[in-house]
Amino acid sequence: MKVIISRKQVNTNKSNHWFRDIAMLEICDAKYVGDYKIYLVFNNGREGIANLEKALFNDIRSVFSQFRDKERFANFKVDHGTVIWSDEFDLASEYLFYLAFQDNPELQTKFKEWGYVA
């Protein structure tokens, strides 16, 4: 069973320079840096670290529990513009972008549009 969490359409608002000329936000590269953190490079030129520990341990869906093992969690790859684990689980690039930059005040409007903040 393949599970996609939080795949959302990106609104390419030209006034937001982080998303200029990008039809869809994608991940170009990703590396595990430890403690459920992934260093990400996005196609808009931004780089950041997404911490997935809270998502893995606070979400009650069983799909998350299998990736609480750090060795299994670290075994991911970049495919089709996002991070995937063994062709059965992936996270939307927008969600990973949100996790990497959730404290950036310049991006709060975009995160509201995506539904990640109220």
PDB file of N, CA and C in Angstrom:
ATOM      1  N   MET A   1       0.839  -1.169   0.000  1.00  0.00           N
ATOM      2  CA  MET A   1       0.000   0.000   0.000  1.00  0.00           C
ATOM      3  C   MET A   1       0.889   1.238   0.000  1.00  0.00           C
ATOM      4  N   LYS A   2       0.628   2.135  -0.916  1.00  0.00           N
ATOM      5  CA  LYS A   2       1.386   3.381  -0.973  1.00  0.00           C
ATOM      6  C   LYS A   2       0.590   4.471  -0.285  1.00  0.00           C
ATOM      7  N   VAL A   3       1.245   5.215   0.579  1.00  0.00           N
ATOM      8  CA  VAL A   3       0.587   6.282   1.322  1.00  0.00           C
ATOM      9  C   VAL A   3       1.274   7.598   0.999  1.00  0.00           C
ATOM     10  N   ILE A   4       0.488   8.587   0.640  1.00  0.00           N
ATOM     11  CA  ILE A   4       1.014   9.927   0.397  1.00  0.00           C
ATOM     12  C   ILE A   4       0.413  10.833   1.457  1.00  0.00           C
ATOM     13  N   ILE A   5       1.256  11.491   2.203  1.00  0.00           N
ATOM     14  CA  ILE A   5       0.793  12.377   3.261  1.00  0.00           C
ATOM     15  C   ILE A   5       0.899  13.827   2.802  1.00  0.00           C
ATOM     16  N   SER A   6      -0.199  14.522   2.830  1.00  0.00           N
ATOM     17  CA  SER A   6      -0.255  15.979   2.619  1.00  0.00           C
ATOM     18  C   SER A   6       0.187  16.455   1.246  1.00  0.00           C
ATOM     19  N   ARG A   7      -0.138  15.742   0.200  1.00  0.00           N
ATOM     20  CA  ARG A   7       0.171  16.238  -1.145  1.00  0.00           C
ATOM     21  C   ARG A   7      -0.785  17.381  -1.442  1.00  0.00           C
ATOM     22  N   LYS A   8      -0.258  18.564  -1.641  1.00  0.00           N
ATOM     23  CA  LYS A   8      -1.084  19.742  -1.891  1.00  0.00           C
ATOM     24  C   LYS A   8      -0.594  20.446  -3.147  1.00  0.00           C
ATOM     25  N   GLN A   9      -1.488  21.110  -3.826  1.00  0.00           N
ATOM     26  CA  GLN A   9      -1.130  21.890  -5.002  1.00  0.00           C
ATOM     27  C   GLN A   9      -0.422  23.167  -4.563  1.00  0.00           C
ATOM     28  N   VAL A  10       0.672  23.481  -5.207  1.00  0.00           N
ATOM     29  CA  VAL A  10       1.415  24.694  -4.882  1.00  0.00           C
ATOM     30  C   VAL A  10       0.822  25.865  -5.653  1.00  0.00           C
ATOM     31  N   ASN A  11       0.531  26.938  -4.963  1.00  0.00           N
ATOM     32  CA  ASN A  11       0.083  28.173  -5.583  1.00  0.00           C
ATOM     33  C   ASN A  11       1.328  28.989  -5.899  1.00  0.00           C
ATOM     34  N   THR A  12       1.626  29.173  -7.168  1.00  0.00           N
ATOM     35  CA  THR A  12       2.846  29.883  -7.556  1.00  0.00           C
ATOM     36  C   THR A  12       2.587  31.382  -7.613  1.00  0.00           C
ATOM     37  N   ASN A  13       2.430  31.973  -6.470  1.00  0.00           N
ATOM     38  CA  ASN A  13       2.209  33.406  -6.330  1.00  0.00           C
ATOM     39  C   ASN A  13       3.497  34.130  -6.717  1.00  0.00           C
ATOM     40  N   LYS A  14       3.439  34.910  -7.785  1.00  0.00           N
ATOM     41  CA  LYS A  14       4.641  35.579  -8.297  1.00  0.00           C
ATOM     42  C   LYS A  14       5.212  36.591  -7.309  1.00  0.00           C
ATOM     43  N   SER A  15       4.418  37.051  -6.349  1.00  0.00           N
ATOM     44  CA  SER A  15       4.935  38.009  -5.379  1.00  0.00           C
ATOM     45  C   SER A  15       5.820  37.343  -4.333  1.00  0.00           C
ATOM     46  N   ASN A  16       5.759  36.045  -4.244  1.00  0.00           N
ATOM     47  CA  ASN A  16       6.579  35.324  -3.275  1.00  0.00           C
ATOM     48  C   ASN A  16       7.823  34.818  -4.003  1.00  0.00           C
ATOM     49  N   HIS A  17       8.948  35.470  -3.803  1.00  0.00           N
ATOM     50  CA  HIS A  17      10.151  35.163  -4.581  1.00  0.00           C
ATOM     51  C   HIS A  17      10.685  33.751  -4.378  1.00  0.00           C
ATOM     52  N   TRP A  18      10.302  33.058  -3.319  1.00  0.00           N
ATOM     53  CA  TRP A  18      10.784  31.685  -3.120  1.00  0.00           C
ATOM     54  C   TRP A  18      10.136  30.723  -4.104  1.00  0.00           C
ATOM     55  N   PHE A  19       9.021  31.115  -4.713  1.00  0.00           N
ATOM     56  CA  PHE A  19       8.280  30.204  -5.574  1.00  0.00           C
ATOM     57  C   PHE A  19       8.174  30.709  -7.005  1.00  0.00           C
ATOM     58  N   ARG A  20       8.904  31.743  -7.343  1.00  0.00           N
ATOM     59  CA  ARG A  20       8.864  32.313  -8.675  1.00  0.00           C
ATOM     60  C   ARG A  20       9.304  31.283  -9.714  1.00  0.00           C
ATOM     61  N   ASP A  21       8.543  31.191 -10.786  1.00  0.00           N
ATOM     62  CA  ASP A  21       8.857  30.341 -11.935  1.00  0.00           C
ATOM     63  C   ASP A  21       8.913  28.855 -11.597  1.00  0.00           C
ATOM     64  N   ILE A  22       8.207  28.421 -10.586  1.00  0.00           N
ATOM     65  CA  ILE A  22       8.180  27.000 -10.240  1.00  0.00           C
ATOM     66  C   ILE A  22       6.738  26.525 -10.304  1.00  0.00           C
ATOM     67  N   ALA A  23       6.476  25.562 -11.177  1.00  0.00           N
ATOM     68  CA  ALA A  23       5.117  25.036 -11.301  1.00  0.00           C
ATOM     69  C   ALA A  23       4.773  24.140 -10.114  1.00  0.00           C
ATOM     70  N   MET A  24       5.748  23.394  -9.615  1.00  0.00           N
ATOM     71  CA  MET A  24       5.508  22.476  -8.507  1.00  0.00           C
ATOM     72  C   MET A  24       6.782  22.398  -7.669  1.00  0.00           C
ATOM     73  N   LEU A  25       6.645  22.555  -6.383  1.00  0.00           N
ATOM     74  CA  LEU A  25       7.788  22.468  -5.483  1.00  0.00           C
ATOM     75  C   LEU A  25       8.265  21.022  -5.430  1.00  0.00           C
ATOM     76  N   GLU A  26       9.551  20.818  -5.673  1.00  0.00           N
ATOM     77  CA  GLU A  26      10.122  19.470  -5.667  1.00  0.00           C
ATOM     78  C   GLU A  26      11.414  19.439  -4.868  1.00  0.00           C
ATOM     79  N   ILE A  27      11.746  18.247  -4.417  1.00  0.00           N
ATOM     80  CA  ILE A  27      13.007  18.007  -3.719  1.00  0.00           C
ATOM     81  C   ILE A  27      14.007  17.477  -4.737  1.00  0.00           C
ATOM     82  N   CYS A  28      15.168  18.104  -4.784  1.00  0.00           N
ATOM     83  CA  CYS A  28      16.229  17.700  -5.709  1.00  0.00           C
ATOM     84  C   CYS A  28      17.208  16.733  -5.062  1.00  0.00           C
ATOM     85  N   ASP A  29      17.426  16.897  -3.754  1.00  0.00           N
ATOM     86  CA  ASP A  29      18.383  16.050  -3.045  1.00  0.00           C
ATOM     87  C   ASP A  29      17.987  15.994  -1.575  1.00  0.00           C
ATOM     88  N   ALA A  30      18.328  14.884  -0.935  1.00  0.00           N
ATOM     89  CA  ALA A  30      18.018  14.710   0.489  1.00  0.00           C
ATOM     90  C   ALA A  30      19.060  13.801   1.121  1.00  0.00           C
ATOM     91  N   LYS A  31      19.438  14.144   2.347  1.00  0.00           N
ATOM     92  CA  LYS A  31      20.409  13.336   3.095  1.00  0.00           C
ATOM     93  C   LYS A  31      19.956  13.235   4.545  1.00  0.00           C
ATOM     94  N   TYR A  32      20.061  12.036   5.091  1.00  0.00           N
ATOM     95  CA  TYR A  32      19.727  11.838   6.498  1.00  0.00           C
ATOM     96  C   TYR A  32      20.855  12.415   7.341  1.00  0.00           C
ATOM     97  N   VAL A  33      20.504  13.250   8.339  1.00  0.00           N
ATOM     98  CA  VAL A  33      21.526  13.868   9.186  1.00  0.00           C
ATOM     99  C   VAL A  33      21.423  13.417  10.634  1.00  0.00           C
ATOM    100  N   GLY A  34      20.526  12.467  10.920  1.00  0.00           N
ATOM    101  CA  GLY A  34      20.405  11.915  12.266  1.00  0.00           C
ATOM    102  C   GLY A  34      19.179  12.404  13.008  1.00  0.00           C
ATOM    103  N   ASP A  35      18.754  11.616  13.983  1.00  0.00           N
ATOM    104  CA  ASP A  35      17.626  11.965  14.857  1.00  0.00           C
ATOM    105  C   ASP A  35      16.369  12.376  14.093  1.00  0.00           C
ATOM    106  N   TYR A  36      16.023  11.619  13.059  1.00  0.00           N
ATOM    107  CA  TYR A  36      14.816  11.841  12.245  1.00  0.00           C
ATOM    108  C   TYR A  36      14.843  13.165  11.485  1.00  0.00           C
ATOM    109  N   LYS A  37      16.022  13.667  11.217  1.00  0.00           N
ATOM    110  CA  LYS A  37      16.170  14.920  10.474  1.00  0.00           C
ATOM    111  C   LYS A  37      16.731  14.626   9.084  1.00  0.00           C
ATOM    112  N   ILE A  38      16.167  15.335   8.095  1.00  0.00           N
ATOM    113  CA  ILE A  38      16.595  15.176   6.706  1.00  0.00           C
ATOM    114  C   ILE A  38      17.001  16.542   6.162  1.00  0.00           C
ATOM    115  N   TYR A  39      18.221  16.612   5.636  1.00  0.00           N
ATOM    116  CA  TYR A  39      18.689  17.814   4.945  1.00  0.00           C
ATOM    117  C   TYR A  39      18.110  17.765   3.531  1.00  0.00           C
ATOM    118  N   LEU A  40      17.434  18.832   3.120  1.00  0.00           N
ATOM    119  CA  LEU A  40      16.719  18.856   1.847  1.00  0.00           C
ATOM    120  C   LEU A  40      17.182  20.005   0.960  1.00  0.00           C
ATOM    121  N   VAL A  41      17.257  19.732  -0.336  1.00  0.00           N
ATOM    122  CA  VAL A  41      17.519  20.752  -1.342  1.00  0.00           C
ATOM    123  C   VAL A  41      16.289  20.785  -2.251  1.00  0.00           C
ATOM    124  N   PHE A  42      15.680  21.967  -2.366  1.00  0.00           N
ATOM    125  CA  PHE A  42      14.457  22.131  -3.150  1.00  0.00           C
ATOM    126  C   PHE A  42      14.756  22.782  -4.496  1.00  0.00           C
ATOM    127  N   ASN A  43      13.851  22.592  -5.446  1.00  0.00           N
ATOM    128  CA  ASN A  43      14.049  23.145  -6.784  1.00  0.00           C
ATOM    129  C   ASN A  43      13.873  24.660  -6.851  1.00  0.00           C
ATOM    130  N   ASN A  44      13.522  25.296  -5.748  1.00  0.00           N
ATOM    131  CA  ASN A  44      13.463  26.760  -5.717  1.00  0.00           C
ATOM    132  C   ASN A  44      14.752  27.360  -5.156  1.00  0.00           C
ATOM    133  N   GLY A  45      15.767  26.502  -4.946  1.00  0.00           N
ATOM    134  CA  GLY A  45      17.064  26.961  -4.470  1.00  0.00           C
ATOM    135  C   GLY A  45      17.232  26.957  -2.963  1.00  0.00           C
ATOM    136  N   ARG A  46      16.168  26.715  -2.231  1.00  0.00           N
ATOM    137  CA  ARG A  46      16.244  26.700  -0.763  1.00  0.00           C
ATOM    138  C   ARG A  46      16.785  25.365  -0.279  1.00  0.00           C
ATOM    139  N   GLU A  47      17.517  25.424   0.828  1.00  0.00           N
ATOM    140  CA  GLU A  47      18.041  24.239   1.499  1.00  0.00           C
ATOM    141  C   GLU A  47      17.687  24.350   2.972  1.00  0.00           C
ATOM    142  N   GLY A  48      17.302  23.239   3.568  1.00  0.00           N
ATOM    143  CA  GLY A  48      16.944  23.265   4.975  1.00  0.00           C
ATOM    144  C   GLY A  48      16.830  21.871   5.551  1.00  0.00           C
ATOM    145  N   ILE A  49      16.616  21.811   6.849  1.00  0.00           N
ATOM    146  CA  ILE A  49      16.504  20.531   7.551  1.00  0.00           C
ATOM    147  C   ILE A  49      15.085  20.378   8.082  1.00  0.00           C
ATOM    148  N   ALA A  50      14.451  19.276   7.699  1.00  0.00           N
ATOM    149  CA  ALA A  50      13.113  18.941   8.191  1.00  0.00           C
ATOM    150  C   ALA A  50      13.258  17.918   9.305  1.00  0.00           C
ATOM    151  N   ASN A  51      12.689  18.228  10.455  1.00  0.00           N
ATOM    152  CA  ASN A  51      12.699  17.313  11.595  1.00  0.00           C
ATOM    153  C   ASN A  51      11.360  16.582  11.615  1.00  0.00           C
ATOM    154  N   LEU A  52      11.398  15.273  11.402  1.00  0.00           N
ATOM    155  CA  LEU A  52      10.169  14.486  11.328  1.00  0.00           C
ATOM    156  C   LEU A  52       9.855  13.726  12.606  1.00  0.00           C
ATOM    157  N   GLU A  53      10.601  13.963  13.660  1.00  0.00           N
ATOM    158  CA  GLU A  53      10.388  13.216  14.902  1.00  0.00           C
ATOM    159  C   GLU A  53       8.961  13.391  15.435  1.00  0.00           C
ATOM    160  N   LYS A  54       8.473  14.609  15.513  1.00  0.00           N
ATOM    161  CA  LYS A  54       7.112  14.830  16.029  1.00  0.00           C
ATOM    162  C   LYS A  54       6.072  14.156  15.149  1.00  0.00           C
ATOM    163  N   ALA A  55       6.234  14.266  13.846  1.00  0.00           N
ATOM    164  CA  ALA A  55       5.278  13.639  12.928  1.00  0.00           C
ATOM    165  C   ALA A  55       5.241  12.125  13.128  1.00  0.00           C
ATOM    166  N   LEU A  56       6.392  11.520  13.304  1.00  0.00           N
ATOM    167  CA  LEU A  56       6.462  10.065  13.462  1.00  0.00           C
ATOM    168  C   LEU A  56       5.898   9.588  14.791  1.00  0.00           C
ATOM    169  N   PHE A  57       6.126  10.339  15.842  1.00  0.00           N
ATOM    170  CA  PHE A  57       5.739   9.872  17.173  1.00  0.00           C
ATOM    171  C   PHE A  57       4.403  10.429  17.660  1.00  0.00           C
ATOM    172  N   ASN A  58       3.918  11.504  17.061  1.00  0.00           N
ATOM    173  CA  ASN A  58       2.648  12.076  17.497  1.00  0.00           C
ATOM    174  C   ASN A  58       1.470  11.666  16.623  1.00  0.00           C
ATOM    175  N   ASP A  59       1.739  11.160  15.435  1.00  0.00           N
ATOM    176  CA  ASP A  59       0.662  10.738  14.537  1.00  0.00           C
ATOM    177  C   ASP A  59       0.247   9.312  14.884  1.00  0.00           C
ATOM    178  N   ILE A  60      -1.036   9.082  15.038  1.00  0.00           N
ATOM    179  CA  ILE A  60      -1.508   7.757  15.468  1.00  0.00           C
ATOM    180  C   ILE A  60      -1.673   6.773  14.313  1.00  0.00           C
ATOM    181  N   ARG A  61      -1.539   7.238  13.073  1.00  0.00           N
ATOM    182  CA  ARG A  61      -1.682   6.317  11.937  1.00  0.00           C
ATOM    183  C   ARG A  61      -0.545   5.305  11.946  1.00  0.00           C
ATOM    184  N   SER A  62      -0.894   4.063  11.718  1.00  0.00           N
ATOM    185  CA  SER A  62       0.081   2.973  11.819  1.00  0.00           C
ATOM    186  C   SER A  62       1.210   3.082  10.806  1.00  0.00           C
ATOM    187  N   VAL A  63       0.978   3.741   9.696  1.00  0.00           N
ATOM    188  CA  VAL A  63       2.021   3.860   8.689  1.00  0.00           C
ATOM    189  C   VAL A  63       3.252   4.569   9.250  1.00  0.00           C
ATOM    190  N   PHE A  64       3.050   5.483  10.185  1.00  0.00           N
ATOM    191  CA  PHE A  64       4.174   6.207  10.770  1.00  0.00           C
ATOM    192  C   PHE A  64       4.990   5.340  11.720  1.00  0.00           C
ATOM    193  N   SER A  65       4.343   4.437  12.426  1.00  0.00           N
ATOM    194  CA  SER A  65       5.042   3.652  13.450  1.00  0.00           C
ATOM    195  C   SER A  65       6.164   2.799  12.876  1.00  0.00           C
ATOM    196  N   GLN A  66       6.020   2.317  11.658  1.00  0.00           N
ATOM    197  CA  GLN A  66       7.063   1.477  11.069  1.00  0.00           C
ATOM    198  C   GLN A  66       8.353   2.240  10.773  1.00  0.00           C
ATOM    199  N   PHE A  67       8.273   3.570  10.730  1.00  0.00           N
ATOM    200  CA  PHE A  67       9.463   4.371  10.437  1.00  0.00           C
ATOM    201  C   PHE A  67      10.049   5.019  11.683  1.00  0.00           C
ATOM    202  N   ARG A  68       9.607   4.578  12.838  1.00  0.00           N
ATOM    203  CA  ARG A  68      10.190   5.066  14.092  1.00  0.00           C
ATOM    204  C   ARG A  68      11.554   4.445  14.348  1.00  0.00           C
ATOM    205  N   ASP A  69      11.821   3.333  13.703  1.00  0.00           N
ATOM    206  CA  ASP A  69      13.141   2.715  13.753  1.00  0.00           C
ATOM    207  C   ASP A  69      14.082   3.596  12.922  1.00  0.00           C
ATOM    208  N   LYS A  70      15.120   4.129  13.546  1.00  0.00           N
ATOM    209  CA  LYS A  70      15.998   5.093  12.863  1.00  0.00           C
ATOM    210  C   LYS A  70      16.685   4.498  11.639  1.00  0.00           C
ATOM    211  N   GLU A  71      17.044   3.234  11.701  1.00  0.00           N
ATOM    212  CA  GLU A  71      17.697   2.609  10.546  1.00  0.00           C
ATOM    213  C   GLU A  71      16.732   2.543   9.361  1.00  0.00           C
ATOM    214  N   ARG A  72      15.508   2.162   9.626  1.00  0.00           N
ATOM    215  CA  ARG A  72      14.510   2.105   8.553  1.00  0.00           C
ATOM    216  C   ARG A  72      14.178   3.514   8.056  1.00  0.00           C
ATOM    217  N   PHE A  73      14.059   4.462   8.975  1.00  0.00           N
ATOM    218  CA  PHE A  73      13.771   5.841   8.591  1.00  0.00           C
ATOM    219  C   PHE A  73      14.860   6.396   7.667  1.00  0.00           C
ATOM    220  N   ALA A  74      16.107   6.091   7.965  1.00  0.00           N
ATOM    221  CA  ALA A  74      17.238   6.622   7.195  1.00  0.00           C
ATOM    222  C   ALA A  74      17.328   6.023   5.795  1.00  0.00           C
ATOM    223  N   ASN A  75      16.584   4.962   5.532  1.00  0.00           N
ATOM    224  CA  ASN A  75      16.645   4.266   4.246  1.00  0.00           C
ATOM    225  C   ASN A  75      15.589   4.828   3.282  1.00  0.00           C
ATOM    226  N   PHE A  76      15.799   6.040   2.808  1.00  0.00           N
ATOM    227  CA  PHE A  76      14.881   6.692   1.869  1.00  0.00           C
ATOM    228  C   PHE A  76      15.633   7.087   0.614  1.00  0.00           C
ATOM    229  N   LYS A  77      14.891   7.521  -0.384  1.00  0.00           N
ATOM    230  CA  LYS A  77      15.498   8.042  -1.606  1.00  0.00           C
ATOM    231  C   LYS A  77      14.626   9.176  -2.131  1.00  0.00           C
ATOM    232  N   VAL A  78      15.184   9.963  -3.026  1.00  0.00           N
ATOM    233  CA  VAL A  78      14.430  11.017  -3.697  1.00  0.00           C
ATOM    234  C   VAL A  78      13.927  10.447  -5.013  1.00  0.00           C
ATOM    235  N   ASP A  79      12.615  10.553  -5.213  1.00  0.00           N
ATOM    236  CA  ASP A  79      12.003  10.055  -6.446  1.00  0.00           C
ATOM    237  C   ASP A  79      10.767  10.901  -6.737  1.00  0.00           C
ATOM    238  N   HIS A  80      10.578  11.247  -7.989  1.00  0.00           N
ATOM    239  CA  HIS A  80       9.423  12.047  -8.407  1.00  0.00           C
ATOM    240  C   HIS A  80       9.282  13.333  -7.591  1.00  0.00           C
ATOM    241  N   GLY A  81      10.408  13.940  -7.232  1.00  0.00           N
ATOM    242  CA  GLY A  81      10.392  15.235  -6.571  1.00  0.00           C
ATOM    243  C   GLY A  81      10.101  15.231  -5.090  1.00  0.00           C
ATOM    244  N   THR A  82      10.122  14.053  -4.466  1.00  0.00           N
ATOM    245  CA  THR A  82       9.911  13.993  -3.025  1.00  0.00           C
ATOM    246  C   THR A  82      10.722  12.855  -2.417  1.00  0.00           C
ATOM    247  N   VAL A  83      10.610  12.701  -1.120  1.00  0.00           N
ATOM    248  CA  VAL A  83      11.325  11.653  -0.390  1.00  0.00           C
ATOM    249  C   VAL A  83      10.387  10.458  -0.252  1.00  0.00           C
ATOM    250  N   ILE A  84      10.894   9.270  -0.601  1.00  0.00           N
ATOM    251  CA  ILE A  84      10.075   8.062  -0.480  1.00  0.00           C
ATOM    252  C   ILE A  84      10.841   6.984   0.279  1.00  0.00           C
ATOM    253  N   TRP A  85      10.081   6.130   0.919  1.00  0.00           N
ATOM    254  CA  TRP A  85      10.624   4.991   1.647  1.00  0.00           C
ATOM    255  C   TRP A  85      10.071   3.725   1.007  1.00  0.00           C
ATOM    256  N   SER A  86      10.923   2.923   0.449  1.00  0.00           N
ATOM    257  CA  SER A  86      10.618   1.599  -0.110  1.00  0.00           C
ATOM    258  C   SER A  86       9.326   1.555  -0.931  1.00  0.00           C
ATOM    259  N   ASP A  87       9.094   2.544  -1.739  1.00  0.00           N
ATOM    260  CA  ASP A  87       7.947   2.597  -2.654  1.00  0.00           C
ATOM    261  C   ASP A  87       6.590   2.419  -1.989  1.00  0.00           C
ATOM    262  N   GLU A  88       6.519   2.567  -0.662  1.00  0.00           N
ATOM    263  CA  GLU A  88       5.230   2.397   0.000  1.00  0.00           C
ATOM    264  C   GLU A  88       4.808   3.613   0.819  1.00  0.00           C
ATOM    265  N   PHE A  89       5.705   4.557   1.004  1.00  0.00           N
ATOM    266  CA  PHE A  89       5.392   5.715   1.840  1.00  0.00           C
ATOM    267  C   PHE A  89       6.178   6.912   1.344  1.00  0.00           C
ATOM    268  N   ASP A  90       5.495   8.023   1.150  1.00  0.00           N
ATOM    269  CA  ASP A  90       6.209   9.257   0.822  1.00  0.00           C
ATOM    270  C   ASP A  90       5.497  10.435   1.460  1.00  0.00           C
ATOM    271  N   LEU A  91       6.229  11.517   1.553  1.00  0.00           N
ATOM    272  CA  LEU A  91       5.692  12.748   2.123  1.00  0.00           C
ATOM    273  C   LEU A  91       5.733  13.832   1.058  1.00  0.00           C
ATOM    274  N   ALA A  92       4.718  14.643   1.011  1.00  0.00           N
ATOM    275  CA  ALA A  92       4.656  15.721   0.029  1.00  0.00           C
ATOM    276  C   ALA A  92       5.826  16.678   0.221  1.00  0.00           C
ATOM    277  N   SER A  93       6.390  17.117  -0.889  1.00  0.00           N
ATOM    278  CA  SER A  93       7.507  18.057  -0.818  1.00  0.00           C
ATOM    279  C   SER A  93       7.091  19.351  -0.116  1.00  0.00           C
ATOM    280  N   GLU A  94       5.833  19.763  -0.260  1.00  0.00           N
ATOM    281  CA  GLU A  94       5.354  20.968   0.410  1.00  0.00           C
ATOM    282  C   GLU A  94       5.360  20.791   1.932  1.00  0.00           C
ATOM    283  N   TYR A  95       4.991  19.601   2.381  1.00  0.00           N
ATOM    284  CA  TYR A  95       4.991  19.337   3.821  1.00  0.00           C
ATOM    285  C   TYR A  95       6.422  19.354   4.363  1.00  0.00           C
ATOM    286  N   LEU A  96       7.348  18.755   3.635  1.00  0.00           N
ATOM    287  CA  LEU A  96       8.748  18.760   4.058  1.00  0.00           C
ATOM    288  C   LEU A  96       9.316  20.180   4.032  1.00  0.00           C
ATOM    289  N   PHE A  97       8.913  20.964   3.038  1.00  0.00           N
ATOM    290  CA  PHE A  97       9.327  22.368   2.979  1.00  0.00           C
ATOM    291  C   PHE A  97       8.807  23.108   4.204  1.00  0.00           C
ATOM    292  N   TYR A  98       7.549  22.871   4.535  1.00  0.00           N
ATOM    293  CA  TYR A  98       6.967  23.486   5.733  1.00  0.00           C
ATOM    294  C   TYR A  98       7.765  23.109   6.978  1.00  0.00           C
ATOM    295  N   LEU A  99       8.077  21.826   7.137  1.00  0.00           N
ATOM    296  CA  LEU A  99       8.834  21.399   8.318  1.00  0.00           C
ATOM    297  C   LEU A  99      10.209  22.059   8.371  1.00  0.00           C
ATOM    298  N   ALA A 100      10.841  22.225   7.224  1.00  0.00           N
ATOM    299  CA  ALA A 100      12.179  22.815   7.176  1.00  0.00           C
ATOM    300  C   ALA A 100      12.163  24.319   7.459  1.00  0.00           C
ATOM    301  N   PHE A 101      11.081  24.990   7.099  1.00  0.00           N
ATOM    302  CA  PHE A 101      11.057  26.456   7.184  1.00  0.00           C
ATOM    303  C   PHE A 101       9.863  26.994   7.972  1.00  0.00           C
ATOM    304  N   GLN A 102       9.289  26.190   8.839  1.00  0.00           N
ATOM    305  CA  GLN A 102       8.075  26.591   9.558  1.00  0.00           C
ATOM    306  C   GLN A 102       8.239  27.830  10.432  1.00  0.00           C
ATOM    307  N   ASP A 103       9.452  28.156  10.817  1.00  0.00           N
ATOM    308  CA  ASP A 103       9.683  29.330  11.661  1.00  0.00           C
ATOM    309  C   ASP A 103      10.054  30.582  10.869  1.00  0.00           C
ATOM    310  N   ASN A 104      10.108  30.480   9.550  1.00  0.00           N
ATOM    311  CA  ASN A 104      10.470  31.615   8.706  1.00  0.00           C
ATOM    312  C   ASN A 104       9.257  32.539   8.540  1.00  0.00           C
ATOM    313  N   PRO A 105       9.330  33.769   9.066  1.00  0.00           N
ATOM    314  CA  PRO A 105       8.175  34.673   8.994  1.00  0.00           C
ATOM    315  C   PRO A 105       7.772  35.038   7.565  1.00  0.00           C
ATOM    316  N   GLU A 106       8.715  35.046   6.631  1.00  0.00           N
ATOM    317  CA  GLU A 106       8.412  35.383   5.238  1.00  0.00           C
ATOM    318  C   GLU A 106       7.511  34.350   4.568  1.00  0.00           C
ATOM    319  N   LEU A 107       7.476  33.138   5.103  1.00  0.00           N
ATOM    320  CA  LEU A 107       6.746  32.046   4.458  1.00  0.00           C
ATOM    321  C   LEU A 107       5.415  31.717   5.117  1.00  0.00           C
ATOM    322  N   GLN A 108       5.042  32.434   6.158  1.00  0.00           N
ATOM    323  CA  GLN A 108       3.812  32.106   6.887  1.00  0.00           C
ATOM    324  C   GLN A 108       2.561  32.219   6.018  1.00  0.00           C
ATOM    325  N   THR A 109       2.510  33.206   5.134  1.00  0.00           N
ATOM    326  CA  THR A 109       1.353  33.337   4.244  1.00  0.00           C
ATOM    327  C   THR A 109       1.233  32.113   3.346  1.00  0.00           C
ATOM    328  N   LYS A 110       2.347  31.661   2.812  1.00  0.00           N
ATOM    329  CA  LYS A 110       2.344  30.471   1.954  1.00  0.00           C
ATOM    330  C   LYS A 110       1.893  29.250   2.749  1.00  0.00           C
ATOM    331  N   PHE A 111       2.366  29.102   3.964  1.00  0.00           N
ATOM    332  CA  PHE A 111       1.977  27.952   4.785  1.00  0.00           C
ATOM    333  C   PHE A 111       0.492  28.002   5.138  1.00  0.00           C
ATOM    334  N   LYS A 112      -0.054  29.186   5.292  1.00  0.00           N
ATOM    335  CA  LYS A 112      -1.499  29.321   5.520  1.00  0.00           C
ATOM    336  C   LYS A 112      -2.271  28.895   4.282  1.00  0.00           C
ATOM    337  N   GLU A 113      -1.792  29.306   3.102  1.00  0.00           N
ATOM    338  CA  GLU A 113      -2.431  28.899   1.846  1.00  0.00           C
ATOM    339  C   GLU A 113      -2.440  27.384   1.708  1.00  0.00           C
ATOM    340  N   TRP A 114      -1.370  26.746   2.137  1.00  0.00           N
ATOM    341  CA  TRP A 114      -1.262  25.292   2.039  1.00  0.00           C
ATOM    342  C   TRP A 114      -2.052  24.576   3.133  1.00  0.00           C
ATOM    343  N   GLY A 115      -2.480  25.306   4.157  1.00  0.00           N
ATOM    344  CA  GLY A 115      -3.255  24.702   5.235  1.00  0.00           C
ATOM    345  C   GLY A 115      -2.434  24.128   6.374  1.00  0.00           C
ATOM    346  N   TYR A 116      -1.166  24.488   6.465  1.00  0.00           N
ATOM    347  CA  TYR A 116      -0.313  23.966   7.537  1.00  0.00           C
ATOM    348  C   TYR A 116      -0.353  24.814   8.797  1.00  0.00           C
ATOM    349  N   VAL A 117      -0.765  26.075   8.678  1.00  0.00           N
ATOM    350  CA  VAL A 117      -0.931  26.936   9.850  1.00  0.00           C
ATOM    351  C   VAL A 117      -2.279  27.638   9.749  1.00  0.00           C
ATOM    352  N   ALA A 118      -2.814  27.977  10.903  1.00  0.00           N
ATOM    353  CA  ALA A 118      -4.138  28.639  10.927  1.00  0.00           C
ATOM    354  C   ALA A 118      -4.010  30.131  10.750  1.00  0.00           C
TER     355      ALA A 118
END
